[in-house]
Amino acid sequence: MKLGYFADGPWAHRALEKIAQDDRFELSFIVPRYDARDPVLADWANELGIDFLPIENVNRSADVEILKAYGADIFVSMSFNQILKKEIINLPRLGFINCHAGALPYYRGRNVLNWALINDASEFGVTVHYIDEGIDTGDIIVQKFSPISDRDTYKTLLDRAVVMCAEALHEALGSLHAGSTKRLSQSDIDPVGFYCGRRVEGDELIEWSWPSRRIFNFVRGIASPGPCARTFLGASEIVIGDAAMIAGAPEYIGTPGEIVRVVQRGIVVKTGDTTILLKDIAGAENFRFRIGQRLGVSNQTGLLLELRRRIEELERLIK
């Protein structure tokens, strides 16, 4: 079975290794992200003796014709970043499939591993599905799931998801090769589902009126290699790499964001319900944390952030 591979990054590397080692599959070409041109995929193309095709817009008729000439039976997307249209979706005889690091029809969209942790999900999934003209809405071929514990962070989910996606894609291709694929409509699982939006700069700020559990999930949900949760002490930005729930912490009314204890491992902060321990604070040695100090975005900090945003806009215009 001949494959055309549209891909980028570690997700694609792991899956490609499994595909290349399987005699049932023959890779015809690799199309990388046009703006990234993954060098690892370029090395794979060279090693396999196939074409490496950076294409700015794979939907253009001329490029569709180029891809058509390879005679691939199926196209595969793994972390590819172009929106695909009907002409290229319908080009290969077995369709165009994608591996998505979310349990469709839930967690469609972007940054879904972050959102799964932020939402306090008990498990996360990866899904291989047919691509249609919607966004992550095509029929499901294979799904795999893994439980989420309080020890998990964005990194641990990411590490597992890379392996799970490779396994799910290889399994799906095997079923397509054998002609044993069973399609499952996403609407049979849930007629609505939901989408997750892309996380952008500024989304890292903690709202201290949130309950402790929500803050805990937020911190681990965007921990390294994510941007990490952030707050302010006056005009100084604080980057938080880790947080911990405090067993038996009582619920009481206080001032959210107030430091109520300073410990060797970090600081204890009042939240919307109880308290939480903040750990792994970047540059902690440069801060003099004291009981009674208040974290968060004050009017002064808000003005500072707005000025920073305007400066960055001006710098982009100058460039």
C-alpha atoms as a PDB file:
ATOM      1  CA  MET A   1       0.000   0.000   0.000  1.00  0.00           C
ATOM      2  CA  LYS A   2       1.523   3.300  -1.137  1.00  0.00           C
ATOM      3  CA  LEU A   3       1.428   6.242   1.286  1.00  0.00           C
ATOM      4  CA  GLY A   4       1.857   9.974   0.932  1.00  0.00           C
ATOM      5  CA  TYR A   5       2.989  11.458   4.279  1.00  0.00           C
ATOM      6  CA  PHE A   6       2.100  15.018   5.346  1.00  0.00           C
ATOM      7  CA  ALA A   7       3.859  15.606   8.629  1.00  0.00           C
ATOM      8  CA  ASP A   8       6.014  17.452  11.148  1.00  0.00           C
ATOM      9  CA  GLY A   9       7.828  16.954  14.435  1.00  0.00           C
ATOM     10  CA  PRO A  10       8.395  14.135  16.950  1.00  0.00           C
ATOM     11  CA  TRP A  11       4.864  12.779  16.430  1.00  0.00           C
ATOM     12  CA  ALA A  12       5.684  12.193  12.780  1.00  0.00           C
ATOM     13  CA  HIS A  13       9.158  10.762  13.433  1.00  0.00           C
ATOM     14  CA  ARG A  14       7.943   7.982  15.724  1.00  0.00           C
ATOM     15  CA  ALA A  15       5.099   6.989  13.401  1.00  0.00           C
ATOM     16  CA  LEU A  16       7.306   7.126  10.311  1.00  0.00           C
ATOM     17  CA  GLU A  17       9.783   4.742  11.907  1.00  0.00           C
ATOM     18  CA  LYS A  18       7.025   2.149  12.428  1.00  0.00           C
ATOM     19  CA  ILE A  19       5.681   2.619   8.888  1.00  0.00           C
ATOM     20  CA  ALA A  20       9.112   2.385   7.255  1.00  0.00           C
ATOM     21  CA  GLN A  21       9.838  -0.910   9.034  1.00  0.00           C
ATOM     22  CA  ASP A  22       6.605  -2.537   7.822  1.00  0.00           C
ATOM     23  CA  ASP A  23       6.823  -4.288   4.436  1.00  0.00           C
ATOM     24  CA  ARG A  24       3.096  -3.777   3.845  1.00  0.00           C
ATOM     25  CA  PHE A  25       3.654  -0.064   3.312  1.00  0.00           C
ATOM     26  CA  GLU A  26       5.588   1.909   0.718  1.00  0.00           C
ATOM     27  CA  LEU A  27       6.187   5.615   1.250  1.00  0.00           C
ATOM     28  CA  SER A  28       5.839   7.655  -1.925  1.00  0.00           C
ATOM     29  CA  PHE A  29       6.763  11.135  -0.674  1.00  0.00           C
ATOM     30  CA  ILE A  30       6.906  13.361   2.404  1.00  0.00           C
ATOM     31  CA  VAL A  31       5.296  16.811   2.534  1.00  0.00           C
ATOM     32  CA  PRO A  32       6.597  18.783   5.549  1.00  0.00           C
ATOM     33  CA  ARG A  33       5.157  21.943   7.050  1.00  0.00           C
ATOM     34  CA  TYR A  34       6.143  24.611   4.574  1.00  0.00           C
ATOM     35  CA  ASP A  35       7.266  27.080   7.237  1.00  0.00           C
ATOM     36  CA  ALA A  36       9.296  24.515   9.225  1.00  0.00           C
ATOM     37  CA  ARG A  37      10.646  21.871   6.793  1.00  0.00           C
ATOM     38  CA  ASP A  38      11.490  19.360   9.497  1.00  0.00           C
ATOM     39  CA  PRO A  39      15.146  18.299   8.921  1.00  0.00           C
ATOM     40  CA  VAL A  40      14.555  14.877  10.481  1.00  0.00           C
ATOM     41  CA  LEU A  41      11.854  14.156   7.904  1.00  0.00           C
ATOM     42  CA  ALA A  42      14.189  15.433   5.176  1.00  0.00           C
ATOM     43  CA  ASP A  43      16.813  12.908   6.355  1.00  0.00           C
ATOM     44  CA  TRP A  44      14.186  10.155   6.317  1.00  0.00           C
ATOM     45  CA  ALA A  45      13.210  11.048   2.744  1.00  0.00           C
ATOM     46  CA  ASN A  46      16.857  10.900   1.705  1.00  0.00           C
ATOM     47  CA  GLU A  47      17.382   7.554   3.455  1.00  0.00           C
ATOM     48  CA  LEU A  48      14.246   6.071   1.874  1.00  0.00           C
ATOM     49  CA  GLY A  49      15.021   7.508  -1.548  1.00  0.00           C
ATOM     50  CA  ILE A  50      11.714   9.361  -1.823  1.00  0.00           C
ATOM     51  CA  ASP A  51      10.822  12.957  -2.624  1.00  0.00           C
ATOM     52  CA  PHE A  52      10.697  15.658   0.065  1.00  0.00           C
ATOM     53  CA  LEU A  53       8.117  18.192  -1.095  1.00  0.00           C
ATOM     54  CA  PRO A  54       7.753  21.510   0.762  1.00  0.00           C
ATOM     55  CA  ILE A  55       4.474  22.826  -0.698  1.00  0.00           C
ATOM     56  CA  GLU A  56       3.109  26.211   0.335  1.00  0.00           C
ATOM     57  CA  ASN A  57      -0.515  25.288  -0.406  1.00  0.00           C
ATOM     58  CA  VAL A  58      -1.309  21.647  -1.057  1.00  0.00           C
ATOM     59  CA  ASN A  59      -4.816  22.588  -2.240  1.00  0.00           C
ATOM     60  CA  ARG A  60      -3.634  24.369  -5.392  1.00  0.00           C
ATOM     61  CA  SER A  61      -4.719  22.491  -8.505  1.00  0.00           C
ATOM     62  CA  ALA A  62      -1.195  22.376  -9.908  1.00  0.00           C
ATOM     63  CA  ASP A  63       0.161  20.810  -6.728  1.00  0.00           C
ATOM     64  CA  VAL A  64      -2.748  18.387  -6.496  1.00  0.00           C
ATOM     65  CA  GLU A  65      -1.778  17.180  -9.976  1.00  0.00           C
ATOM     66  CA  ILE A  66       1.839  16.756  -8.881  1.00  0.00           C
ATOM     67  CA  LEU A  67       0.769  14.637  -5.905  1.00  0.00           C
ATOM     68  CA  LYS A  68      -1.672  12.671  -8.033  1.00  0.00           C
ATOM     69  CA  ALA A  69       1.185  11.496 -10.238  1.00  0.00           C
ATOM     70  CA  TYR A  70       2.688   9.494  -7.379  1.00  0.00           C
ATOM     71  CA  GLY A  71      -0.299   7.132  -7.391  1.00  0.00           C
ATOM     72  CA  ALA A  72      -0.473   6.819  -3.588  1.00  0.00           C
ATOM     73  CA  ASP A  73      -3.307   4.699  -2.224  1.00  0.00           C
ATOM     74  CA  ILE A  74      -3.722   6.813   0.895  1.00  0.00           C
ATOM     75  CA  PHE A  75      -2.561  10.134   2.287  1.00  0.00           C
ATOM     76  CA  VAL A  76      -1.610  10.411   5.968  1.00  0.00           C
ATOM     77  CA  SER A  77      -1.448  13.559   8.109  1.00  0.00           C
ATOM     78  CA  MET A  78       0.556  13.641  11.331  1.00  0.00           C
ATOM     79  CA  SER A  79       0.915  17.120  12.861  1.00  0.00           C
ATOM     80  CA  PHE A  80       0.461  18.782   9.468  1.00  0.00           C
ATOM     81  CA  ASN A  81      -0.773  22.382   9.634  1.00  0.00           C
ATOM     82  CA  GLN A  82      -2.682  23.129   6.442  1.00  0.00           C
ATOM     83  CA  ILE A  83      -6.480  23.115   6.147  1.00  0.00           C
ATOM     84  CA  LEU A  84      -7.296  20.549   3.472  1.00  0.00           C
ATOM     85  CA  LYS A  85      -9.981  20.962   0.838  1.00  0.00           C
ATOM     86  CA  LYS A  86     -12.175  18.529  -1.041  1.00  0.00           C
ATOM     87  CA  GLU A  87      -9.982  18.021  -4.118  1.00  0.00           C
ATOM     88  CA  ILE A  88      -6.946  16.757  -2.233  1.00  0.00           C
ATOM     89  CA  ILE A  89      -8.988  14.945   0.438  1.00  0.00           C
ATOM     90  CA  ASN A  90     -10.650  12.828  -2.248  1.00  0.00           C
ATOM     91  CA  LEU A  91      -7.527  12.263  -4.345  1.00  0.00           C
ATOM     92  CA  PRO A  92      -6.223   8.919  -2.990  1.00  0.00           C
ATOM     93  CA  ARG A  93      -8.497   5.895  -3.437  1.00  0.00           C
ATOM     94  CA  LEU A  94      -8.459   4.997   0.281  1.00  0.00           C
ATOM     95  CA  GLY A  95      -8.886   8.557   1.472  1.00  0.00           C
ATOM     96  CA  PHE A  96      -6.906  10.991   3.602  1.00  0.00           C
ATOM     97  CA  ILE A  97      -6.489  10.134   7.299  1.00  0.00           C
ATOM     98  CA  ASN A  98      -5.145  12.049  10.282  1.00  0.00           C
ATOM     99  CA  CYS A  99      -3.923  11.231  13.779  1.00  0.00           C
ATOM    100  CA  HIS A 100      -5.225  13.692  16.365  1.00  0.00           C
ATOM    101  CA  ALA A 101      -4.012  13.812  19.986  1.00  0.00           C
ATOM    102  CA  GLY A 102      -7.531  14.094  21.371  1.00  0.00           C
ATOM    103  CA  ALA A 103     -10.448  11.777  22.100  1.00  0.00           C
ATOM    104  CA  LEU A 104     -12.785  12.868  19.305  1.00  0.00           C
ATOM    105  CA  PRO A 105     -15.502  14.111  19.177  1.00  0.00           C
ATOM    106  CA  TYR A 106     -14.222  15.797  22.333  1.00  0.00           C
ATOM    107  CA  TYR A 107     -11.045  17.825  22.291  1.00  0.00           C
ATOM    108  CA  ARG A 108     -11.204  18.806  18.665  1.00  0.00           C
ATOM    109  CA  GLY A 109      -8.982  21.731  17.745  1.00  0.00           C
ATOM    110  CA  ARG A 110      -5.685  22.918  19.233  1.00  0.00           C
ATOM    111  CA  ASN A 111      -3.512  22.367  22.314  1.00  0.00           C
ATOM    112  CA  VAL A 112      -5.765  19.516  23.372  1.00  0.00           C
ATOM    113  CA  LEU A 113      -3.356  17.858  25.824  1.00  0.00           C
ATOM    114  CA  ASN A 114      -3.081  21.139  27.715  1.00  0.00           C
ATOM    115  CA  TRP A 115      -6.855  21.484  27.751  1.00  0.00           C
ATOM    116  CA  ALA A 116      -7.366  17.892  28.957  1.00  0.00           C
ATOM    117  CA  LEU A 117      -5.296  18.627  32.063  1.00  0.00           C
ATOM    118  CA  ILE A 118      -6.848  22.048  32.598  1.00  0.00           C
ATOM    119  CA  ASN A 119     -10.284  20.407  32.435  1.00  0.00           C
ATOM    120  CA  ASP A 120      -9.280  17.833  35.071  1.00  0.00           C
ATOM    121  CA  ALA A 121     -10.029  14.973  32.671  1.00  0.00           C
ATOM    122  CA  SER A 122      -9.628  11.464  34.061  1.00  0.00           C
ATOM    123  CA  GLU A 123      -8.178  10.199  30.770  1.00  0.00           C
ATOM    124  CA  PHE A 124      -7.003  11.424  27.397  1.00  0.00           C
ATOM    125  CA  GLY A 125      -7.156   9.795  23.994  1.00  0.00           C
ATOM    126  CA  VAL A 126      -5.669   9.832  20.519  1.00  0.00           C
ATOM    127  CA  THR A 127      -7.765   9.300  17.417  1.00  0.00           C
ATOM    128  CA  VAL A 128      -7.042   8.239  13.858  1.00  0.00           C
ATOM    129  CA  HIS A 129      -9.850   9.497  11.665  1.00  0.00           C
ATOM    130  CA  TYR A 130     -10.754  10.214   8.078  1.00  0.00           C
ATOM    131  CA  ILE A 131     -10.299  13.839   7.083  1.00  0.00           C
ATOM    132  CA  ASP A 132     -13.376  15.597   5.779  1.00  0.00           C
ATOM    133  CA  GLU A 133     -14.029  19.286   5.113  1.00  0.00           C
ATOM    134  CA  GLY A 134     -14.760  19.985   8.775  1.00  0.00           C
ATOM    135  CA  ILE A 135     -12.154  20.373  11.511  1.00  0.00           C
ATOM    136  CA  ASP A 136     -11.486  17.033  13.229  1.00  0.00           C
ATOM    137  CA  THR A 137     -14.989  15.812  12.355  1.00  0.00           C
ATOM    138  CA  GLY A 138     -14.353  12.785  10.105  1.00  0.00           C
ATOM    139  CA  ASP A 139     -15.258   9.183  10.886  1.00  0.00           C
ATOM    140  CA  ILE A 140     -13.092   7.423  13.461  1.00  0.00           C
ATOM    141  CA  ILE A 141     -10.890   4.452  12.538  1.00  0.00           C
ATOM    142  CA  VAL A 142      -8.923   3.820  15.761  1.00  0.00           C
ATOM    143  CA  GLN A 143      -8.911   5.364  19.241  1.00  0.00           C
ATOM    144  CA  LYS A 144      -6.574   4.696  22.158  1.00  0.00           C
ATOM    145  CA  PHE A 145      -6.899   5.989  25.726  1.00  0.00           C
ATOM    146  CA  SER A 146      -4.649   6.487  28.730  1.00  0.00           C
ATOM    147  CA  PRO A 147      -5.621   7.450  32.312  1.00  0.00           C
ATOM    148  CA  ILE A 148      -4.571  10.779  33.814  1.00  0.00           C
ATOM    149  CA  SER A 149      -3.381  10.882  37.435  1.00  0.00           C
ATOM    150  CA  ASP A 150      -2.467  13.810  39.663  1.00  0.00           C
ATOM    151  CA  ARG A 151       1.189  13.022  38.945  1.00  0.00           C
ATOM    152  CA  ASP A 152       0.735  13.813  35.268  1.00  0.00           C
ATOM    153  CA  THR A 153       1.852  17.043  33.637  1.00  0.00           C
ATOM    154  CA  TYR A 154       1.840  18.327  30.089  1.00  0.00           C
ATOM    155  CA  LYS A 155       5.205  16.623  29.508  1.00  0.00           C
ATOM    156  CA  THR A 156       4.091  13.191  30.706  1.00  0.00           C
ATOM    157  CA  LEU A 157       0.970  13.336  28.537  1.00  0.00           C
ATOM    158  CA  LEU A 158       2.991  14.547  25.575  1.00  0.00           C
ATOM    159  CA  ASP A 159       5.503  11.720  25.932  1.00  0.00           C
ATOM    160  CA  ARG A 160       2.719   9.107  26.063  1.00  0.00           C
ATOM    161  CA  ALA A 161       0.721  10.697  23.255  1.00  0.00           C
ATOM    162  CA  VAL A 162       3.655  10.563  20.837  1.00  0.00           C
ATOM    163  CA  VAL A 163       3.901   6.804  21.368  1.00  0.00           C
ATOM    164  CA  MET A 164       0.130   6.283  21.307  1.00  0.00           C
ATOM    165  CA  CYS A 165      -0.289   8.215  18.052  1.00  0.00           C
ATOM    166  CA  ALA A 166       2.367   6.122  16.344  1.00  0.00           C
ATOM    167  CA  GLU A 167       0.723   2.916  17.533  1.00  0.00           C
ATOM    168  CA  ALA A 168      -2.788   4.059  16.592  1.00  0.00           C
ATOM    169  CA  LEU A 169      -1.727   5.181  13.122  1.00  0.00           C
ATOM    170  CA  HIS A 170       0.135   1.938  12.452  1.00  0.00           C
ATOM    171  CA  GLU A 171      -2.913  -0.056  13.591  1.00  0.00           C
ATOM    172  CA  ALA A 172      -5.239   1.999  11.389  1.00  0.00           C
ATOM    173  CA  LEU A 173      -3.012   1.546   8.335  1.00  0.00           C
ATOM    174  CA  GLY A 174      -2.916  -2.185   9.010  1.00  0.00           C
ATOM    175  CA  SER A 175      -6.703  -2.379   8.998  1.00  0.00           C
ATOM    176  CA  LEU A 176      -6.884  -0.349   5.792  1.00  0.00           C
ATOM    177  CA  HIS A 177      -4.356  -2.647   4.148  1.00  0.00           C
ATOM    178  CA  ALA A 178      -6.377  -5.691   5.219  1.00  0.00           C
ATOM    179  CA  GLY A 179      -9.673  -4.130   4.155  1.00  0.00           C
ATOM    180  CA  SER A 180     -11.060  -4.619   7.653  1.00  0.00           C
ATOM    181  CA  THR A 181     -11.564  -0.978   8.647  1.00  0.00           C
ATOM    182  CA  LYS A 182     -14.712  -0.161  10.592  1.00  0.00           C
ATOM    183  CA  ARG A 183     -15.791   3.487  10.431  1.00  0.00           C
ATOM    184  CA  LEU A 184     -17.401   5.061  13.486  1.00  0.00           C
ATOM    185  CA  SER A 185     -19.297   8.307  13.070  1.00  0.00           C
ATOM    186  CA  GLN A 186     -18.384  10.829  15.738  1.00  0.00           C
ATOM    187  CA  SER A 187     -22.058  11.686  16.131  1.00  0.00           C
ATOM    188  CA  ASP A 188     -22.636   8.136  17.393  1.00  0.00           C
ATOM    189  CA  ILE A 189     -20.446   9.001  20.380  1.00  0.00           C
ATOM    190  CA  ASP A 190     -21.784  12.521  20.913  1.00  0.00           C
ATOM    191  CA  PRO A 191     -23.843  14.590  18.440  1.00  0.00           C
ATOM    192  CA  VAL A 192     -22.170  17.830  19.553  1.00  0.00           C
ATOM    193  CA  GLY A 193     -18.672  17.240  20.963  1.00  0.00           C
ATOM    194  CA  PHE A 194     -16.511  20.303  21.549  1.00  0.00           C
ATOM    195  CA  TYR A 195     -13.600  22.319  20.185  1.00  0.00           C
ATOM    196  CA  CYS A 196     -10.547  23.663  21.986  1.00  0.00           C
ATOM    197  CA  GLY A 197      -9.097  26.985  20.912  1.00  0.00           C
ATOM    198  CA  ARG A 198      -5.417  27.665  20.373  1.00  0.00           C
ATOM    199  CA  ARG A 199      -3.669  28.954  23.485  1.00  0.00           C
ATOM    200  CA  VAL A 200      -1.886  32.269  22.909  1.00  0.00           C
ATOM    201  CA  GLU A 201       0.484  34.558  24.791  1.00  0.00           C
ATOM    202  CA  GLY A 202      -1.277  35.980  27.832  1.00  0.00           C
ATOM    203  CA  ASP A 203      -3.264  32.819  28.528  1.00  0.00           C
ATOM    204  CA  GLU A 204      -0.686  31.806  31.141  1.00  0.00           C
ATOM    205  CA  LEU A 205      -1.934  34.157  33.856  1.00  0.00           C
ATOM    206  CA  ILE A 206      -3.463  32.593  36.981  1.00  0.00           C
ATOM    207  CA  GLU A 207      -6.748  33.961  38.267  1.00  0.00           C
ATOM    208  CA  TRP A 208      -6.409  33.612  42.019  1.00  0.00           C
ATOM    209  CA  SER A 209     -10.161  33.537  42.633  1.00  0.00           C
ATOM    210  CA  TRP A 210     -10.194  30.077  41.011  1.00  0.00           C
ATOM    211  CA  PRO A 211     -10.460  27.068  43.367  1.00  0.00           C
ATOM    212  CA  SER A 212      -7.179  25.391  44.296  1.00  0.00           C
ATOM    213  CA  ARG A 213      -7.946  22.335  42.162  1.00  0.00           C
ATOM    214  CA  ARG A 214      -8.434  24.474  39.082  1.00  0.00           C
ATOM    215  CA  ILE A 215      -5.149  26.309  39.688  1.00  0.00           C
ATOM    216  CA  PHE A 216      -3.341  22.999  40.255  1.00  0.00           C
ATOM    217  CA  ASN A 217      -4.655  21.660  36.937  1.00  0.00           C
ATOM    218  CA  PHE A 218      -3.824  24.921  35.174  1.00  0.00           C
ATOM    219  CA  VAL A 219      -0.204  24.911  36.382  1.00  0.00           C
ATOM    220  CA  ARG A 220       0.473  21.308  35.372  1.00  0.00           C
ATOM    221  CA  GLY A 221      -1.512  21.722  32.164  1.00  0.00           C
ATOM    222  CA  ILE A 222       0.886  24.298  30.728  1.00  0.00           C
ATOM    223  CA  ALA A 223       4.074  23.221  32.530  1.00  0.00           C
ATOM    224  CA  SER A 224       7.328  22.739  30.596  1.00  0.00           C
ATOM    225  CA  PRO A 225       7.669  22.212  27.654  1.00  0.00           C
ATOM    226  CA  GLY A 226       4.671  24.556  27.668  1.00  0.00           C
ATOM    227  CA  PRO A 227       5.009  28.250  28.544  1.00  0.00           C
ATOM    228  CA  CYS A 228       4.335  27.673  32.291  1.00  0.00           C
ATOM    229  CA  ALA A 229       1.763  29.435  34.461  1.00  0.00           C
ATOM    230  CA  ARG A 230       2.495  33.013  35.453  1.00  0.00           C
ATOM    231  CA  THR A 231       1.478  35.679  37.901  1.00  0.00           C
ATOM    232  CA  PHE A 232       2.827  39.015  39.117  1.00  0.00           C
ATOM    233  CA  LEU A 233       4.259  40.359  42.340  1.00  0.00           C
ATOM    234  CA  GLY A 234       3.885  44.073  41.763  1.00  0.00           C
ATOM    235  CA  ALA A 235       5.467  44.698  38.372  1.00  0.00           C
ATOM    236  CA  SER A 236       7.624  41.531  38.495  1.00  0.00           C
ATOM    237  CA  GLU A 237       6.473  38.500  36.519  1.00  0.00           C
ATOM    238  CA  ILE A 238       6.685  35.162  38.299  1.00  0.00           C
ATOM    239  CA  VAL A 239       6.938  31.914  36.314  1.00  0.00           C
ATOM    240  CA  ILE A 240       5.592  28.829  38.120  1.00  0.00           C
ATOM    241  CA  GLY A 241       6.771  25.401  37.051  1.00  0.00           C
ATOM    242  CA  ASP A 242       4.899  23.247  39.565  1.00  0.00           C
ATOM    243  CA  ALA A 243       2.149  23.339  42.173  1.00  0.00           C
ATOM    244  CA  ALA A 244       0.755  20.936  44.747  1.00  0.00           C
ATOM    245  CA  MET A 245      -2.569  20.503  46.455  1.00  0.00           C
ATOM    246  CA  ILE A 246      -2.345  20.716  50.256  1.00  0.00           C
ATOM    247  CA  ALA A 247      -3.984  17.727  51.918  1.00  0.00           C
ATOM    248  CA  GLY A 248      -6.597  18.766  54.432  1.00  0.00           C
ATOM    249  CA  ALA A 249      -6.322  22.472  53.613  1.00  0.00           C
ATOM    250  CA  PRO A 250      -9.451  24.108  55.065  1.00  0.00           C
ATOM    251  CA  GLU A 251     -11.833  26.160  52.982  1.00  0.00           C
ATOM    252  CA  TYR A 252     -12.230  29.743  54.171  1.00  0.00           C
ATOM    253  CA  ILE A 253     -12.865  33.276  52.958  1.00  0.00           C
ATOM    254  CA  GLY A 254      -9.703  35.336  52.535  1.00  0.00           C
ATOM    255  CA  THR A 255      -7.851  37.376  49.927  1.00  0.00           C
ATOM    256  CA  PRO A 256      -7.171  35.298  46.787  1.00  0.00           C
ATOM    257  CA  GLY A 257      -3.559  35.650  45.703  1.00  0.00           C
ATOM    258  CA  GLU A 258      -2.215  36.515  49.163  1.00  0.00           C
ATOM    259  CA  ILE A 259       0.921  34.699  50.319  1.00  0.00           C
ATOM    260  CA  VAL A 260       0.008  33.057  53.631  1.00  0.00           C
ATOM    261  CA  ARG A 261       3.151  31.018  54.227  1.00  0.00           C
ATOM    262  CA  VAL A 262       6.727  30.881  52.967  1.00  0.00           C
ATOM    263  CA  VAL A 263       8.352  27.426  53.011  1.00  0.00           C
ATOM    264  CA  GLN A 264      11.644  25.970  51.839  1.00  0.00           C
ATOM    265  CA  ARG A 265      10.027  24.424  48.783  1.00  0.00           C
ATOM    266  CA  GLY A 266       8.049  27.502  47.743  1.00  0.00           C
ATOM    267  CA  ILE A 267       5.120  29.614  48.884  1.00  0.00           C
ATOM    268  CA  VAL A 268       1.589  28.878  50.036  1.00  0.00           C
ATOM    269  CA  VAL A 269      -1.021  31.120  48.446  1.00  0.00           C
ATOM    270  CA  LYS A 270      -4.694  31.715  49.236  1.00  0.00           C
ATOM    271  CA  THR A 271      -7.024  30.723  46.407  1.00  0.00           C
ATOM    272  CA  GLY A 272     -10.751  31.092  45.837  1.00  0.00           C
ATOM    273  CA  ASP A 273     -11.471  28.275  48.281  1.00  0.00           C
ATOM    274  CA  THR A 274      -8.433  26.931  50.157  1.00  0.00           C
ATOM    275  CA  THR A 275      -4.661  27.320  49.704  1.00  0.00           C
ATOM    276  CA  ILE A 276      -2.103  25.888  47.279  1.00  0.00           C
ATOM    277  CA  LEU A 277       1.648  25.306  47.329  1.00  0.00           C
ATOM    278  CA  LEU A 278       3.606  26.882  44.463  1.00  0.00           C
ATOM    279  CA  LYS A 279       6.915  25.160  43.687  1.00  0.00           C
ATOM    280  CA  ASP A 280       9.648  25.386  41.058  1.00  0.00           C
ATOM    281  CA  ILE A 281       9.421  29.176  40.806  1.00  0.00           C
ATOM    282  CA  ALA A 282      11.842  30.473  38.187  1.00  0.00           C
ATOM    283  CA  GLY A 283      14.465  32.722  39.745  1.00  0.00           C
ATOM    284  CA  ALA A 284      12.949  32.260  43.213  1.00  0.00           C
ATOM    285  CA  GLU A 285      16.223  33.378  44.772  1.00  0.00           C
ATOM    286  CA  ASN A 286      15.658  36.838  43.290  1.00  0.00           C
ATOM    287  CA  PHE A 287      12.346  37.355  45.080  1.00  0.00           C
ATOM    288  CA  ARG A 288      11.858  38.203  48.749  1.00  0.00           C
ATOM    289  CA  PHE A 289       8.567  36.480  49.378  1.00  0.00           C
ATOM    290  CA  ARG A 290       6.798  37.543  52.567  1.00  0.00           C
ATOM    291  CA  ILE A 291       3.514  36.686  54.216  1.00  0.00           C
ATOM    292  CA  GLY A 292       0.891  39.238  53.250  1.00  0.00           C
ATOM    293  CA  GLN A 293       2.237  39.998  49.774  1.00  0.00           C
ATOM    294  CA  ARG A 294      -0.400  39.757  47.045  1.00  0.00           C
ATOM    295  CA  LEU A 295       0.072  38.031  43.723  1.00  0.00           C
ATOM    296  CA  GLY A 296      -1.877  38.837  40.598  1.00  0.00           C
ATOM    297  CA  VAL A 297      -2.514  41.468  37.962  1.00  0.00           C
ATOM    298  CA  SER A 298      -3.061  44.855  39.603  1.00  0.00           C
ATOM    299  CA  ASN A 299      -3.994  48.009  37.725  1.00  0.00           C
ATOM    300  CA  GLN A 300      -0.307  48.878  37.626  1.00  0.00           C
ATOM    301  CA  THR A 301       0.576  45.453  36.241  1.00  0.00           C
ATOM    302  CA  GLY A 302      -2.205  45.671  33.683  1.00  0.00           C
ATOM    303  CA  LEU A 303      -0.790  48.946  32.437  1.00  0.00           C
ATOM    304  CA  LEU A 304       2.670  47.370  32.238  1.00  0.00           C
ATOM    305  CA  LEU A 305       1.324  44.463  30.183  1.00  0.00           C
ATOM    306  CA  GLU A 306      -0.477  46.832  27.820  1.00  0.00           C
ATOM    307  CA  LEU A 307       2.681  48.893  27.324  1.00  0.00           C
ATOM    308  CA  ARG A 308       4.654  45.706  26.655  1.00  0.00           C
ATOM    309  CA  ARG A 309       2.093  44.619  24.060  1.00  0.00           C
ATOM    310  CA  ARG A 310       2.274  47.966  22.286  1.00  0.00           C
ATOM    311  CA  ILE A 311       6.075  47.901  22.250  1.00  0.00           C
ATOM    312  CA  GLU A 312       6.045  44.415  20.714  1.00  0.00           C
ATOM    313  CA  GLU A 313       3.591  45.591  18.035  1.00  0.00           C
ATOM    314  CA  LEU A 314       5.853  48.530  17.203  1.00  0.00           C
ATOM    315  CA  GLU A 315       8.896  46.241  17.033  1.00  0.00           C
ATOM    316  CA  ARG A 316       7.061  43.959  14.574  1.00  0.00           C
ATOM    317  CA  LEU A 317       6.173  46.948  12.399  1.00  0.00           C
ATOM    318  CA  ILE A 318       9.769  48.173  12.410  1.00  0.00           C
ATOM    319  CA  LYS A 319      11.018  44.749  11.321  1.00  0.00           C
END
